[in-house]
Amino acid sequence: MPVKKQLYLMGLMTLLIFPIPSFVALYFLEDIKLTTFLAFKDFKIQNIAFGGLTGISYAIFVYYITRHPIFRKIPLNVEELIRKSGINLPDAIFLSFCAGLGEELLFRSGVQHYLGIILTSIIFVAVHGYFSLNPPLKSLYGLLVLPFILILGFGFNQWGLWFAVSAHFFYDLVLFSFILKEKKLPVDDF
């Protein structure tokens, strides 16, 4: 299967399947209905805008920090996959939306409800493969993104689901955009 199709399949699975365990647990254990789970009451422009600004700001920060030579030694499989996939900006928007909504419904609405912000954030970074003993340098990237994931957790508690979804969406989209731009330009050495 071509890489682009695999990415779309992973995006759809994230969007449609990841939220199911959280919703089922909250529905049967907490009697939370679907409309409450989707937090339509938190769908406010100020929460979305603040989340967007947070995601954009942190993505720019991470992008420029990861241009440091030490990060060139860290294999970030996602960046390589994006470069080889042939995706474009509309693809990046779709994949960012899938990850933003699907992962936040799973982690913020579900896992965080039961495990709290800190443990959920550590699990989130670990599940993405950014904590590693082999190579240990990969954990440096995990430590770089962990504060952002903590911000999502605390922001979820303060401003709701749509803050976290927006921050996650824009974080991913900005990083996708930088990687797509790099793909078209020769990479210079530091």
Protein backbone atom coordinates (compact mmCIF):
# COMPACT_ATOMS: atom_id res chain seq x y z
CA MET A 1 0.00 0.00 0.00
CA PRO A 2 1.43 3.43 -0.91
CA VAL A 3 2.63 5.55 2.02
CA LYS A 4 0.04 8.29 1.41
CA LYS A 5 -2.82 5.77 1.59
CA GLN A 6 -1.34 4.33 4.79
CA LEU A 7 -1.26 7.82 6.31
CA TYR A 8 -4.91 8.40 5.36
CA LEU A 9 -5.89 5.03 6.82
CA MET A 10 -4.01 5.83 10.05
CA GLY A 11 -5.68 9.27 10.13
CA LEU A 12 -9.16 7.80 9.72
CA MET A 13 -8.47 5.16 12.36
CA THR A 14 -7.29 7.87 14.75
CA LEU A 15 -10.37 9.97 14.08
CA LEU A 16 -12.99 7.21 14.17
CA ILE A 17 -11.58 4.45 16.40
CA PHE A 18 -9.41 6.19 19.03
CA PRO A 19 -12.36 7.99 20.69
CA ILE A 20 -14.39 4.78 21.12
CA PRO A 21 -12.70 3.39 24.28
CA SER A 22 -12.97 6.78 26.00
CA PHE A 23 -16.61 7.23 25.09
CA VAL A 24 -17.54 3.66 26.08
CA ALA A 25 -15.80 3.99 29.46
CA LEU A 26 -17.33 7.40 30.16
CA TYR A 27 -20.78 6.30 28.99
CA PHE A 28 -20.94 3.12 31.07
CA LEU A 29 -18.94 4.23 34.11
CA GLU A 30 -19.90 7.91 34.32
CA ASP A 31 -23.21 8.05 32.37
CA ILE A 32 -21.77 10.69 30.03
CA LYS A 33 -23.76 11.15 26.83
CA LEU A 34 -22.23 11.66 23.37
CA THR A 35 -23.01 15.39 23.24
CA THR A 36 -21.28 15.89 26.59
CA PHE A 37 -18.33 13.76 25.45
CA LEU A 38 -17.95 15.93 22.35
CA ALA A 39 -18.11 19.02 24.60
CA PHE A 40 -20.17 21.18 22.29
CA LYS A 41 -20.64 23.63 25.19
CA ASP A 42 -16.88 24.34 25.05
CA PHE A 43 -16.97 25.08 21.32
CA LYS A 44 -16.25 28.78 21.78
CA ILE A 45 -14.22 30.91 19.41
CA GLN A 46 -11.99 32.24 22.20
CA ASN A 47 -11.10 28.70 23.35
CA ILE A 48 -10.38 27.62 19.78
CA ALA A 49 -8.38 30.77 19.01
CA PHE A 50 -6.32 30.50 22.19
CA GLY A 51 -5.69 26.83 21.47
CA GLY A 52 -4.64 27.68 17.93
CA LEU A 53 -2.21 30.36 19.09
CA THR A 54 -0.79 27.97 21.67
CA GLY A 55 -0.28 25.21 19.10
CA ILE A 56 1.26 27.53 16.51
CA SER A 57 3.62 29.09 19.04
CA TYR A 58 4.83 25.79 20.44
CA ALA A 59 5.24 24.26 16.97
CA ILE A 60 7.44 27.17 15.88
CA PHE A 61 9.46 26.81 19.08
CA VAL A 62 9.91 23.05 18.56
CA TYR A 63 10.75 23.45 14.90
CA TYR A 64 13.55 25.92 15.52
CA ILE A 65 14.93 24.01 18.52
CA THR A 66 15.01 20.81 16.47
CA ARG A 67 17.14 22.49 13.81
CA HIS A 68 20.02 22.31 16.29
CA PRO A 69 22.63 19.75 15.15
CA ILE A 70 22.03 17.45 18.12
CA PHE A 71 18.54 16.71 16.80
CA ARG A 72 19.93 15.61 13.43
CA LYS A 73 21.29 12.58 15.26
CA ILE A 74 17.80 11.64 16.46
CA PRO A 75 15.78 9.51 14.04
CA LEU A 76 12.34 11.11 13.90
CA ASN A 77 10.43 8.59 11.80
CA VAL A 78 7.42 10.86 11.37
CA GLU A 79 9.46 13.54 9.59
CA GLU A 80 10.99 10.97 7.26
CA LEU A 81 7.59 9.43 6.56
CA ILE A 82 6.13 12.85 5.71
CA ARG A 83 9.01 13.65 3.38
CA LYS A 84 8.62 10.35 1.49
CA SER A 85 4.82 10.25 1.40
CA GLY A 86 4.06 12.83 -1.24
CA ILE A 87 1.47 14.58 0.92
CA ASN A 88 0.51 18.17 0.26
CA LEU A 89 -1.12 20.91 2.33
CA PRO A 90 -4.72 19.57 2.04
CA ASP A 91 -3.44 16.16 3.16
CA ALA A 92 -1.65 17.83 6.09
CA ILE A 93 -4.86 19.63 7.09
CA PHE A 94 -6.82 16.38 7.01
CA LEU A 95 -4.21 14.42 8.99
CA SER A 96 -3.82 17.23 11.54
CA PHE A 97 -7.60 17.31 12.05
CA CYS A 98 -7.74 13.52 12.51
CA ALA A 99 -4.93 13.55 15.07
CA GLY A 100 -6.19 16.65 16.84
CA LEU A 101 -9.74 15.43 17.36
CA GLY A 102 -9.20 11.67 17.65
CA GLU A 103 -6.23 11.80 20.01
CA GLU A 104 -7.67 14.53 22.22
CA LEU A 105 -10.95 12.63 22.61
CA LEU A 106 -8.96 9.54 23.61
CA PHE A 107 -6.36 11.12 25.85
CA ARG A 108 -7.88 14.32 27.24
CA SER A 109 -11.54 13.29 27.47
CA GLY A 110 -10.90 9.68 28.44
CA VAL A 111 -7.49 8.69 29.77
CA GLN A 112 -6.91 12.00 31.56
CA HIS A 113 -10.27 11.68 33.29
CA TYR A 114 -9.02 8.52 35.01
CA LEU A 115 -5.23 8.95 35.23
CA GLY A 116 -4.77 12.70 35.59
CA ILE A 117 -2.81 15.22 33.55
CA ILE A 118 0.79 14.24 34.29
CA LEU A 119 0.51 10.48 33.82
CA THR A 120 -1.67 10.91 30.72
CA SER A 121 0.86 13.34 29.21
CA ILE A 122 3.74 10.94 29.81
CA ILE A 123 1.74 8.09 28.28
CA PHE A 124 0.82 10.28 25.29
CA VAL A 125 4.49 11.09 24.55
CA ALA A 126 5.54 7.48 25.13
CA VAL A 127 2.84 6.08 22.82
CA HIS A 128 4.16 8.35 20.07
CA GLY A 129 7.57 6.73 20.55
CA TYR A 130 9.36 9.82 21.82
CA PHE A 131 10.70 8.20 24.97
CA SER A 132 13.28 5.62 24.08
CA LEU A 133 16.30 3.84 25.48
CA ASN A 134 17.41 2.94 21.97
CA PRO A 135 18.53 5.47 20.89
CA PRO A 136 18.42 7.40 24.18
CA LEU A 137 18.74 10.71 22.34
CA LYS A 138 15.19 10.20 21.05
CA SER A 139 13.99 10.92 24.59
CA LEU A 140 15.37 14.43 24.18
CA TYR A 141 12.62 15.09 21.65
CA GLY A 142 10.11 13.56 24.07
CA LEU A 143 11.26 15.95 26.78
CA LEU A 144 10.90 18.82 24.32
CA VAL A 145 7.27 18.02 23.47
CA LEU A 146 6.20 16.91 26.96
CA PRO A 147 5.60 20.51 28.18
CA PHE A 148 3.25 21.07 25.23
CA ILE A 149 1.32 17.90 26.04
CA LEU A 150 1.08 19.06 29.66
CA ILE A 151 -0.25 22.40 28.39
CA LEU A 152 -2.92 20.48 26.46
CA GLY A 153 -3.90 18.66 29.64
CA PHE A 154 -4.09 21.76 31.82
CA GLY A 155 -5.74 23.71 28.99
CA PHE A 156 -8.35 20.98 28.61
CA ASN A 157 -9.25 21.36 32.28
CA GLN A 158 -9.36 25.15 32.02
CA TRP A 159 -10.83 25.82 28.54
CA GLY A 160 -12.22 22.48 27.44
CA LEU A 161 -11.84 19.94 24.69
CA TRP A 162 -11.83 22.39 21.79
CA PHE A 163 -8.86 24.30 23.20
CA ALA A 164 -6.88 21.03 23.19
CA VAL A 165 -8.15 19.98 19.75
CA SER A 166 -7.29 23.36 18.26
CA ALA A 167 -3.82 23.48 19.87
CA HIS A 168 -3.06 19.94 18.71
CA PHE A 169 -4.39 20.59 15.19
CA PHE A 170 -2.37 23.76 14.68
CA TYR A 171 0.77 22.27 16.26
CA ASP A 172 0.66 19.37 13.82
CA LEU A 173 -0.27 21.55 10.85
CA VAL A 174 2.57 24.02 11.44
CA LEU A 175 5.11 21.21 11.77
CA PHE A 176 3.70 19.51 8.66
CA SER A 177 4.00 22.82 6.80
CA PHE A 178 7.63 23.31 7.83
CA ILE A 179 8.51 19.74 6.84
CA LEU A 180 6.73 20.10 3.48
CA LYS A 181 8.57 23.38 2.86
CA GLU A 182 11.91 21.73 3.73
CA LYS A 183 11.15 18.91 1.34
CA LYS A 184 11.14 21.41 -1.53
CA LEU A 185 14.33 23.18 -0.47
CA PRO A 186 17.86 21.83 -0.22
CA VAL A 187 18.75 21.14 3.39
CA ASP A 188 21.69 23.23 4.50
CA ASP A 189 24.20 22.10 7.09
CA PHE A 190 24.68 24.00 10.32
